[in-house]
C-alpha atoms as a PDB file:
ATOM      1  CA  MET A   1     -82.074 139.520   4.890  1.00  0.00           C
ATOM      2  CA  VAL A   2     -84.536 137.154   7.488  1.00  0.00           C
ATOM      3  CA  LEU A   3     -83.454 136.325  10.684  1.00  0.00           C
ATOM      4  CA  GLN A   4     -84.708 133.277  12.416  1.00  0.00           C
ATOM      5  CA  ALA A   5     -84.385 132.894  16.185  1.00  0.00           C
ATOM      6  CA  ILE A   6     -84.737 129.419  17.955  1.00  0.00           C
ATOM      7  CA  TRP A   7     -84.714 128.853  21.932  1.00  0.00           C
ATOM      8  CA  ALA A   8     -81.415 128.900  23.831  1.00  0.00           C
ATOM      9  CA  PRO A   9     -80.818 125.557  25.242  1.00  0.00           C
ATOM     10  CA  TYR A  10     -80.804 126.952  28.821  1.00  0.00           C
ATOM     11  CA  GLN A  11     -82.351 129.610  31.226  1.00  0.00           C
ATOM     12  CA  LEU A  12     -81.866 132.447  33.576  1.00  0.00           C
ATOM     13  CA  GLN A  13     -81.307 131.208  37.177  1.00  0.00           C
ATOM     14  CA  SER A  14     -84.536 133.215  37.833  1.00  0.00           C
ATOM     15  CA  PRO A  15     -87.635 134.494  35.847  1.00  0.00           C
ATOM     16  CA  ILE A  16     -86.989 137.867  35.449  1.00  0.00           C
ATOM     17  CA  ALA A  17     -88.833 140.665  33.638  1.00  0.00           C
ATOM     18  CA  ALA A  18     -88.551 144.539  33.673  1.00  0.00           C
ATOM     19  CA  GLU A  19     -84.990 144.232  33.669  1.00  0.00           C
ATOM     20  CA  VAL A  20     -81.894 146.043  31.966  1.00  0.00           C
ATOM     21  CA  ALA A  21     -79.231 144.058  29.629  1.00  0.00           C
ATOM     22  CA  VAL A  22     -76.588 145.288  27.968  1.00  0.00           C
ATOM     23  CA  THR A  23     -73.525 143.659  26.193  1.00  0.00           C
ATOM     24  CA  ASP A  24     -70.272 143.749  27.376  1.00  0.00           C
ATOM     25  CA  SER A  25     -67.127 141.685  25.671  1.00  0.00           C
ATOM     26  CA  GLY A  26     -69.106 139.136  24.572  1.00  0.00           C
ATOM     27  CA  ARG A  27     -71.191 138.803  27.803  1.00  0.00           C
ATOM     28  CA  LEU A  28     -74.406 140.487  28.557  1.00  0.00           C
ATOM     29  CA  LEU A  29     -75.127 142.345  32.352  1.00  0.00           C
ATOM     30  CA  ILE A  30     -78.398 141.974  33.643  1.00  0.00           C
ATOM     31  CA  ALA A  31     -79.781 144.182  35.918  1.00  0.00           C
ATOM     32  CA  GLY A  32     -82.660 145.148  37.964  1.00  0.00           C
ATOM     33  CA  GLY A  33     -86.343 144.019  36.987  1.00  0.00           C
ATOM     34  CA  THR A  34     -89.489 142.533  38.415  1.00  0.00           C
ATOM     35  CA  ALA A  35     -88.428 139.057  39.941  1.00  0.00           C
ATOM     36  CA  SER A  36     -90.656 136.208  41.146  1.00  0.00           C
ATOM     37  CA  PRO A  37     -92.468 135.587  43.341  1.00  0.00           C
ATOM     38  CA  GLY A  38     -93.355 139.331  42.921  1.00  0.00           C
ATOM     39  CA  SER A  39     -89.856 140.970  44.257  1.00  0.00           C
ATOM     40  CA  THR A  40     -87.741 143.607  42.863  1.00  0.00           C
ATOM     41  CA  ALA A  41     -84.526 142.471  41.521  1.00  0.00           C
ATOM     42  CA  GLY A  42     -81.326 144.141  42.757  1.00  0.00           C
ATOM     43  CA  ALA A  43     -78.793 141.911  41.269  1.00  0.00           C
ATOM     44  CA  VAL A  44     -76.280 142.487  38.890  1.00  0.00           C
ATOM     45  CA  THR A  45     -74.698 139.323  37.031  1.00  0.00           C
ATOM     46  CA  ARG A  46     -73.341 138.469  33.689  1.00  0.00           C
ATOM     47  CA  LEU A  47     -74.424 135.775  30.914  1.00  0.00           C
ATOM     48  CA  ASN A  48     -72.326 134.109  28.573  1.00  0.00           C
ATOM     49  CA  PRO A  49     -74.831 133.448  25.693  1.00  0.00           C
ATOM     50  CA  VAL A  50     -72.838 130.739  23.910  1.00  0.00           C
ATOM     51  CA  THR A  51     -73.012 128.460  27.404  1.00  0.00           C
ATOM     52  CA  GLY A  52     -75.777 130.030  29.806  1.00  0.00           C
ATOM     53  CA  GLN A  53     -73.202 130.311  32.581  1.00  0.00           C
ATOM     54  CA  GLU A  54     -74.272 133.190  34.812  1.00  0.00           C
ATOM     55  CA  ARG A  55     -72.375 135.031  37.786  1.00  0.00           C
ATOM     56  CA  ARG A  56     -73.438 137.355  40.081  1.00  0.00           C
ATOM     57  CA  VAL A  57     -70.894 140.716  39.741  1.00  0.00           C
ATOM     58  CA  GLY A  58     -72.678 142.942  41.832  1.00  0.00           C
ATOM     59  CA  THR A  59     -75.369 144.482  43.633  1.00  0.00           C
ATOM     60  CA  LEU A  60     -77.668 147.412  42.919  1.00  0.00           C
ATOM     61  CA  ALA A  61     -77.867 150.130  45.426  1.00  0.00           C
ATOM     62  CA  LEU A  62     -81.205 150.822  44.744  1.00  0.00           C
ATOM     63  CA  PRO A  63     -83.354 147.744  43.310  1.00  0.00           C
ATOM     64  CA  VAL A  64     -85.567 149.338  40.523  1.00  0.00           C
ATOM     65  CA  THR A  65     -87.671 148.155  36.848  1.00  0.00           C
ATOM     66  CA  ASP A  66     -88.168 150.120  34.173  1.00  0.00           C
ATOM     67  CA  ALA A  67     -84.849 151.612  33.859  1.00  0.00           C
ATOM     68  CA  ALA A  68     -82.026 152.136  30.913  1.00  0.00           C
ATOM     69  CA  ALA A  69     -78.686 151.172  30.957  1.00  0.00           C
ATOM     70  CA  ALA A  70     -75.122 151.781  29.292  1.00  0.00           C
ATOM     71  CA  LEU A  71     -71.973 150.960  29.109  1.00  0.00           C
ATOM     72  CA  VAL A  72     -69.820 153.761  29.650  1.00  0.00           C
ATOM     73  CA  HIS A  73     -66.137 154.305  29.984  1.00  0.00           C
ATOM     74  CA  GLY A  74     -66.440 150.228  31.516  1.00  0.00           C
ATOM     75  CA  ARG A  75     -69.050 151.052  34.338  1.00  0.00           C
ATOM     76  CA  LEU A  76     -72.501 149.689  34.131  1.00  0.00           C
ATOM     77  CA  LEU A  77     -74.494 152.877  34.294  1.00  0.00           C
ATOM     78  CA  ILE A  78     -78.340 152.285  35.146  1.00  0.00           C
ATOM     79  CA  PHE A  79     -80.524 155.703  34.237  1.00  0.00           C
ATOM     80  CA  GLY A  80     -83.657 155.862  36.759  1.00  0.00           C
ATOM     81  CA  GLY A  81     -86.226 153.536  36.842  1.00  0.00           C
ATOM     82  CA  ARG A  82     -88.836 152.575  39.224  1.00  0.00           C
ATOM     83  CA  VAL A  83     -89.026 151.289  42.910  1.00  0.00           C
ATOM     84  CA  SER A  84     -91.165 149.550  44.961  1.00  0.00           C
ATOM     85  CA  GLN A  85     -93.666 151.835  47.097  1.00  0.00           C
ATOM     86  CA  ASP A  86     -91.948 149.630  50.204  1.00  0.00           C
ATOM     87  CA  PRO A  87     -88.908 148.730  49.400  1.00  0.00           C
ATOM     88  CA  SER A  88     -88.205 146.835  52.676  1.00  0.00           C
ATOM     89  CA  ARG A  89     -90.472 144.750  51.778  1.00  0.00           C
ATOM     90  CA  GLY A  90     -89.532 143.953  48.062  1.00  0.00           C
ATOM     91  CA  ARG A  91     -92.541 143.900  46.142  1.00  0.00           C
ATOM     92  CA  ALA A  92     -92.956 144.178  43.080  1.00  0.00           C
ATOM     93  CA  SER A  93     -92.687 147.618  41.188  1.00  0.00           C
ATOM     94  CA  ARG A  94     -95.006 146.677  38.253  1.00  0.00           C
ATOM     95  CA  PRO A  95     -97.990 144.484  38.905  1.00  0.00           C
ATOM     96  CA  ALA A  96     -99.402 142.085  36.522  1.00  0.00           C
ATOM     97  CA  SER A  97    -102.400 144.165  35.864  1.00  0.00           C
ATOM     98  CA  GLY A  98     -99.565 146.235  33.463  1.00  0.00           C
ATOM     99  CA  SER A  99    -100.556 149.813  35.200  1.00  0.00           C
ATOM    100  CA  ARG A 100     -97.186 150.479  37.125  1.00  0.00           C
ATOM    101  CA  VAL A 101     -96.973 151.589  40.979  1.00  0.00           C
ATOM    102  CA  GLY A 102     -94.310 152.485  43.095  1.00  0.00           C
ATOM    103  CA  GLN A 103     -92.461 155.694  42.143  1.00  0.00           C
ATOM    104  CA  ASP A 104     -89.881 157.203  39.670  1.00  0.00           C
ATOM    105  CA  THR A 105     -86.400 157.950  40.436  1.00  0.00           C
ATOM    106  CA  SER A 106     -83.666 160.210  39.162  1.00  0.00           C
ATOM    107  CA  GLY A 107     -80.952 158.544  40.562  1.00  0.00           C
ATOM    108  CA  VAL A 108     -77.936 156.845  38.086  1.00  0.00           C
ATOM    109  CA  GLN A 109     -76.419 153.716  39.409  1.00  0.00           C
ATOM    110  CA  ALA A 110     -72.846 153.229  38.813  1.00  0.00           C
ATOM    111  CA  LEU A 111     -70.997 149.507  39.015  1.00  0.00           C
ATOM    112  CA  ALA A 112     -67.402 148.520  37.451  1.00  0.00           C
ATOM    113  CA  PRO A 113     -68.514 144.783  36.486  1.00  0.00           C
ATOM    114  CA  GLY A 114     -65.100 143.822  36.343  1.00  0.00           C
ATOM    115  CA  GLY A 115     -64.048 144.452  39.837  1.00  0.00           C
ATOM    116  CA  PRO A 116     -65.171 142.755  43.312  1.00  0.00           C
ATOM    117  CA  GLN A 117     -68.619 142.184  43.681  1.00  0.00           C
ATOM    118  CA  ALA A 118     -69.846 145.489  45.528  1.00  0.00           C
ATOM    119  CA  PRO A 119     -73.067 147.660  45.162  1.00  0.00           C
ATOM    120  CA  ALA A 120     -73.251 150.004  42.826  1.00  0.00           C
ATOM    121  CA  ARG A 121     -72.816 153.626  44.045  1.00  0.00           C
ATOM    122  CA  HIS A 122     -75.035 156.710  43.323  1.00  0.00           C
ATOM    123  CA  LEU A 123     -73.159 158.575  40.391  1.00  0.00           C
ATOM    124  CA  ALA A 124     -75.634 161.318  39.625  1.00  0.00           C
ATOM    125  CA  SER A 125     -78.968 162.160  38.803  1.00  0.00           C
ATOM    126  CA  LEU A 126     -81.147 162.390  35.922  1.00  0.00           C
ATOM    127  CA  PRO A 127     -82.772 165.883  35.313  1.00  0.00           C
ATOM    128  CA  LEU A 128     -86.352 164.459  36.565  1.00  0.00           C
ATOM    129  CA  ALA A 129     -87.318 161.285  37.915  1.00  0.00           C
ATOM    130  CA  THR A 130     -87.980 159.017  35.395  1.00  0.00           C
ATOM    131  CA  SER A 131     -89.057 155.650  34.187  1.00  0.00           C
ATOM    132  CA  GLY A 132     -89.506 153.484  30.883  1.00  0.00           C
ATOM    133  CA  LEU A 133     -86.811 155.311  29.209  1.00  0.00           C
ATOM    134  CA  ALA A 134     -84.629 153.893  26.685  1.00  0.00           C
ATOM    135  CA  ALA A 135     -80.775 154.520  26.040  1.00  0.00           C
ATOM    136  CA  ALA A 136     -78.750 153.976  22.635  1.00  0.00           C
ATOM    137  CA  THR A 137     -75.189 154.260  22.736  1.00  0.00           C
ATOM    138  CA  THR A 138     -72.901 155.590  19.755  1.00  0.00           C
ATOM    139  CA  GLY A 139     -69.081 156.573  19.695  1.00  0.00           C
ATOM    140  CA  SER A 140     -68.373 158.226  23.663  1.00  0.00           C
ATOM    141  CA  THR A 141     -72.456 159.460  23.403  1.00  0.00           C
ATOM    142  CA  THR A 142     -75.438 157.734  25.509  1.00  0.00           C
ATOM    143  CA  TYR A 143     -78.630 159.329  24.599  1.00  0.00           C
ATOM    144  CA  LEU A 144     -81.714 158.828  26.696  1.00  0.00           C
ATOM    145  CA  VAL A 145     -84.778 159.069  24.979  1.00  0.00           C
ATOM    146  CA  GLY A 146     -88.774 159.902  26.414  1.00  0.00           C
ATOM    147  CA  GLY A 147     -89.649 157.926  29.203  1.00  0.00           C
ATOM    148  CA  GLU A 148     -92.492 158.164  31.762  1.00  0.00           C
ATOM    149  CA  ARG A 149     -92.947 160.202  34.874  1.00  0.00           C
ATOM    150  CA  GLY A 150     -96.291 159.541  36.922  1.00  0.00           C
ATOM    151  CA  THR A 151     -98.946 159.543  34.056  1.00  0.00           C
ATOM    152  CA  SER A 152     -97.144 161.761  31.776  1.00  0.00           C
ATOM    153  CA  ARG A 153     -95.176 160.489  28.843  1.00  0.00           C
ATOM    154  CA  LEU A 154     -92.012 162.694  28.060  1.00  0.00           C
ATOM    155  CA  ALA A 155     -90.725 164.436  25.295  1.00  0.00           C
ATOM    156  CA  GLU A 156     -87.042 164.953  26.065  1.00  0.00           C
ATOM    157  CA  VAL A 157     -83.866 163.146  24.451  1.00  0.00           C
ATOM    158  CA  LEU A 158     -80.961 164.013  26.474  1.00  0.00           C
ATOM    159  CA  ARG A 159     -77.184 162.751  25.946  1.00  0.00           C
ATOM    160  CA  THR A 160     -74.040 162.720  28.219  1.00  0.00           C
ATOM    161  CA  THR A 161     -70.779 161.367  27.549  1.00  0.00           C
ATOM    162  CA  ASP A 162     -70.121 160.597  31.393  1.00  0.00           C
ATOM    163  CA  GLY A 163     -73.320 159.914  33.248  1.00  0.00           C
ATOM    164  CA  ALA A 164     -73.098 162.699  35.438  1.00  0.00           C
ATOM    165  CA  ARG A 165     -73.869 165.572  32.948  1.00  0.00           C
ATOM    166  CA  PHE A 166     -76.733 165.777  30.824  1.00  0.00           C
ATOM    167  CA  ALA A 167     -77.954 168.100  28.254  1.00  0.00           C
ATOM    168  CA  ALA A 168     -80.502 168.446  25.615  1.00  0.00           C
ATOM    169  CA  ALA A 169     -80.126 166.835  22.368  1.00  0.00           C
ATOM    170  CA  ALA A 170     -83.742 166.532  20.900  1.00  0.00           C
ATOM    171  CA  SER A 171     -87.547 167.129  21.709  1.00  0.00           C
ATOM    172  CA  LEU A 172     -89.862 164.137  20.124  1.00  0.00           C
ATOM    173  CA  PRO A 173     -92.856 165.025  17.981  1.00  0.00           C
ATOM    174  CA  VAL A 174     -94.616 162.170  20.014  1.00  0.00           C
ATOM    175  CA  PRO A 175     -93.878 161.505  23.497  1.00  0.00           C
ATOM    176  CA  VAL A 176     -93.025 158.120  24.847  1.00  0.00           C
ATOM    177  CA  ALA A 177     -92.076 155.335  26.829  1.00  0.00           C
ATOM    178  CA  ASP A 178     -90.766 152.027  26.826  1.00  0.00           C
ATOM    179  CA  ALA A 179     -89.454 152.308  23.291  1.00  0.00           C
ATOM    180  CA  ALA A 180     -87.366 150.625  20.966  1.00  0.00           C
ATOM    181  CA  THR A 181     -84.258 153.085  20.006  1.00  0.00           C
ATOM    182  CA  VAL A 182     -81.024 152.329  18.112  1.00  0.00           C
ATOM    183  CA  VAL A 183     -78.068 154.823  16.285  1.00  0.00           C
ATOM    184  CA  LEU A 184     -77.764 154.214  12.818  1.00  0.00           C
ATOM    185  CA  ALA A 185     -75.978 156.199  10.167  1.00  0.00           C
ATOM    186  CA  GLY A 186     -76.021 159.543  12.349  1.00  0.00           C
ATOM    187  CA  ALA A 187     -79.248 159.393  13.285  1.00  0.00           C
ATOM    188  CA  LEU A 188     -81.471 158.290  16.364  1.00  0.00           C
ATOM    189  CA  TRP A 189     -84.433 156.100  15.450  1.00  0.00           C
ATOM    190  CA  VAL A 190     -87.195 155.746  18.130  1.00  0.00           C
ATOM    191  CA  PHE A 191     -89.758 152.855  16.956  1.00  0.00           C
ATOM    192  CA  GLY A 192     -93.053 152.724  18.772  1.00  0.00           C
ATOM    193  CA  GLY A 193     -93.685 152.941  22.291  1.00  0.00           C
ATOM    194  CA  THR A 194     -96.238 154.081  24.472  1.00  0.00           C
ATOM    195  CA  THR A 195     -98.047 157.463  24.783  1.00  0.00           C
ATOM    196  CA  SER A 196    -100.799 159.144  27.291  1.00  0.00           C
ATOM    197  CA  ALA A 197    -103.071 157.344  24.905  1.00  0.00           C
ATOM    198  CA  GLY A 198    -102.211 153.553  24.406  1.00  0.00           C
ATOM    199  CA  ILE A 199     -99.548 151.954  22.874  1.00  0.00           C
ATOM    200  CA  THR A 200     -98.600 154.102  19.402  1.00  0.00           C
ATOM    201  CA  ASN A 201     -96.956 152.292  16.150  1.00  0.00           C
ATOM    202  CA  VAL A 202     -94.815 155.764  14.935  1.00  0.00           C
ATOM    203  CA  ILE A 203     -91.260 155.727  14.157  1.00  0.00           C
ATOM    204  CA  GLN A 204     -89.257 158.169  14.763  1.00  0.00           C
ATOM    205  CA  ARG A 205     -86.040 159.769  13.685  1.00  0.00           C
ATOM    206  CA  VAL A 206     -83.642 162.420  15.106  1.00  0.00           C
ATOM    207  CA  ASP A 207     -80.779 163.870  13.142  1.00  0.00           C
ATOM    208  CA  LEU A 208     -77.917 164.112  16.022  1.00  0.00           C
ATOM    209  CA  ALA A 209     -75.990 166.987  13.836  1.00  0.00           C
ATOM    210  CA  GLY A 210     -78.852 169.086  13.703  1.00  0.00           C
ATOM    211  CA  GLY A 211     -80.783 167.663  16.612  1.00  0.00           C
ATOM    212  CA  GLN A 212     -84.273 167.988  14.317  1.00  0.00           C
ATOM    213  CA  ALA A 213     -86.656 165.267  15.430  1.00  0.00           C
ATOM    214  CA  LYS A 214     -89.591 164.217  13.466  1.00  0.00           C
ATOM    215  CA  VAL A 215     -92.162 160.864  12.487  1.00  0.00           C
ATOM    216  CA  VAL A 216     -90.786 159.553   9.270  1.00  0.00           C
ATOM    217  CA  GLY A 217     -92.951 156.251   9.149  1.00  0.00           C
ATOM    218  CA  ARG A 218     -95.239 153.664  10.709  1.00  0.00           C
ATOM    219  CA  LEU A 219     -94.484 150.124  11.897  1.00  0.00           C
ATOM    220  CA  PRO A 220     -96.784 147.341  11.095  1.00  0.00           C
ATOM    221  CA  ARG A 221     -98.582 147.461  14.218  1.00  0.00           C
ATOM    222  CA  PRO A 222     -98.950 149.469  17.663  1.00  0.00           C
ATOM    223  CA  LEU A 223     -95.354 148.074  19.575  1.00  0.00           C
ATOM    224  CA  ALA A 224     -93.983 148.875  22.960  1.00  0.00           C
ATOM    225  CA  ALA A 225     -90.950 147.812  24.836  1.00  0.00           C
ATOM    226  CA  ALA A 226     -89.539 145.810  21.715  1.00  0.00           C
ATOM    227  CA  SER A 227     -85.885 145.519  21.576  1.00  0.00           C
ATOM    228  CA  ALA A 228     -84.132 147.334  18.315  1.00  0.00           C
ATOM    229  CA  PHE A 229     -80.590 146.449  17.065  1.00  0.00           C
ATOM    230  CA  VAL A 230     -78.530 146.956  13.447  1.00  0.00           C
ATOM    231  CA  LEU A 231     -76.920 143.796  11.929  1.00  0.00           C
ATOM    232  CA  ASP A 232     -75.189 144.764   8.180  1.00  0.00           C
ATOM    233  CA  GLY A 233     -76.841 147.970   8.176  1.00  0.00           C
ATOM    234  CA  ARG A 234     -80.052 146.973   8.781  1.00  0.00           C
ATOM    235  CA  ILE A 235     -82.360 148.054  11.898  1.00  0.00           C
ATOM    236  CA  PHE A 236     -84.314 145.063  12.725  1.00  0.00           C
ATOM    237  CA  VAL A 237     -87.085 145.209  15.707  1.00  0.00           C
ATOM    238  CA  ALA A 238     -87.632 142.388  17.652  1.00  0.00           C
ATOM    239  CA  GLY A 239     -90.117 141.210  20.245  1.00  0.00           C
ATOM    240  CA  GLY A 240     -92.338 143.706  22.253  1.00  0.00           C
ATOM    241  CA  LEU A 241     -95.775 144.129  23.299  1.00  0.00           C
ATOM    242  CA  THR A 242     -98.502 144.468  20.953  1.00  0.00           C
ATOM    243  CA  GLY A 243    -102.133 146.065  21.846  1.00  0.00           C
ATOM    244  CA  PRO A 244    -104.668 148.518  20.494  1.00  0.00           C
ATOM    245  CA  ALA A 245    -103.534 152.004  18.810  1.00  0.00           C
ATOM    246  CA  ALA A 246    -103.206 154.880  20.498  1.00  0.00           C
ATOM    247  CA  GLY A 247    -106.437 156.373  21.337  1.00  0.00           C
ATOM    248  CA  GLN A 248    -108.369 153.224  21.301  1.00  0.00           C
ATOM    249  CA  PRO A 249    -109.131 151.593  24.560  1.00  0.00           C
ATOM    250  CA  GLY A 250    -106.556 149.228  26.370  1.00  0.00           C
ATOM    251  CA  SER A 251    -104.206 149.087  28.777  1.00  0.00           C
ATOM    252  CA  ARG A 252    -100.304 149.805  28.990  1.00  0.00           C
ATOM    253  CA  PRO A 253     -97.568 147.118  28.567  1.00  0.00           C
ATOM    254  CA  ALA A 254     -97.485 144.591  31.525  1.00  0.00           C
ATOM    255  CA  GLY A 255     -93.802 143.946  31.304  1.00  0.00           C
ATOM    256  CA  ARG A 256     -90.736 144.662  29.615  1.00  0.00           C
ATOM    257  CA  ALA A 257     -88.550 142.175  28.604  1.00  0.00           C
END
C-alpha cells in the first residue's frame, strides 16, 4: 500500500508548532503549542478536517508545549509538557535554535470538549515532571512513553485508565523523547525519537501482556517528532525531523508537529 499526501484546501487560523492533537468523532482536537509570534498557545480548538472549520472549545489552565494527549472517557487529557519561564509574558517555550527552555511540568489537565467553553482543570500529576513524552491508547488504557526531564531522557512507559493513577508498564532499553508511538496486535511500537546523544533511528517494541521491551529494528534514517498510525493493519510513520545519528554532532529537533 502506498499513501499519497496532498495539501488540504485550507489552513489553520494561526501558525502553531509543538501542539497536541487527538481525534474525536471525526474531528481533531488541537491544544497548546508554540504560536506566532513567539507565544505559548492556550487555546483548545476543534477542527473539521473536511471543511477546515475551526472552533474554540476551551482553554488550557496552564499553556504548554511538547505535551502528550489522549481522549479518556470523553475528556481531553493533556499530560505534562513545558511551560514558559515567564508565563505572564507568554514567551515561547522553545526557541528557533532547537534547545528547549522553560520548565517541565507534571500536571495532567482535563477538559470536556463537548461542554461549554471553560478552562481545563488540573486533574492529577505525573510521577515526574516530563515533556516530549508520547501517548498511545488502546481500549480503555493509555500508555505514556518516555519523554524528557531537564537534559535526561526517560525510559519509563506508564499506563493509565483514568488519567489520575499511573502504573509502570515497561522500561525502554533506549530512553527516548519525541518518539512516534502506536499500538498494534498487543504491542506498543516506539519509533525513533531523541536520546541524550541525538536523534535515533531505533525501533522498540513493548509486549503489553508481559511488559518486555526490546529493540527490534532500525528506521532507514534517524527520525524524531514523527507521527505513527495504523491503516488496514499496517503501521505508517509520517513526517518528523531528521538529523545526524545518535552519537554524531547535531542538535535536537526544533519543533514538533
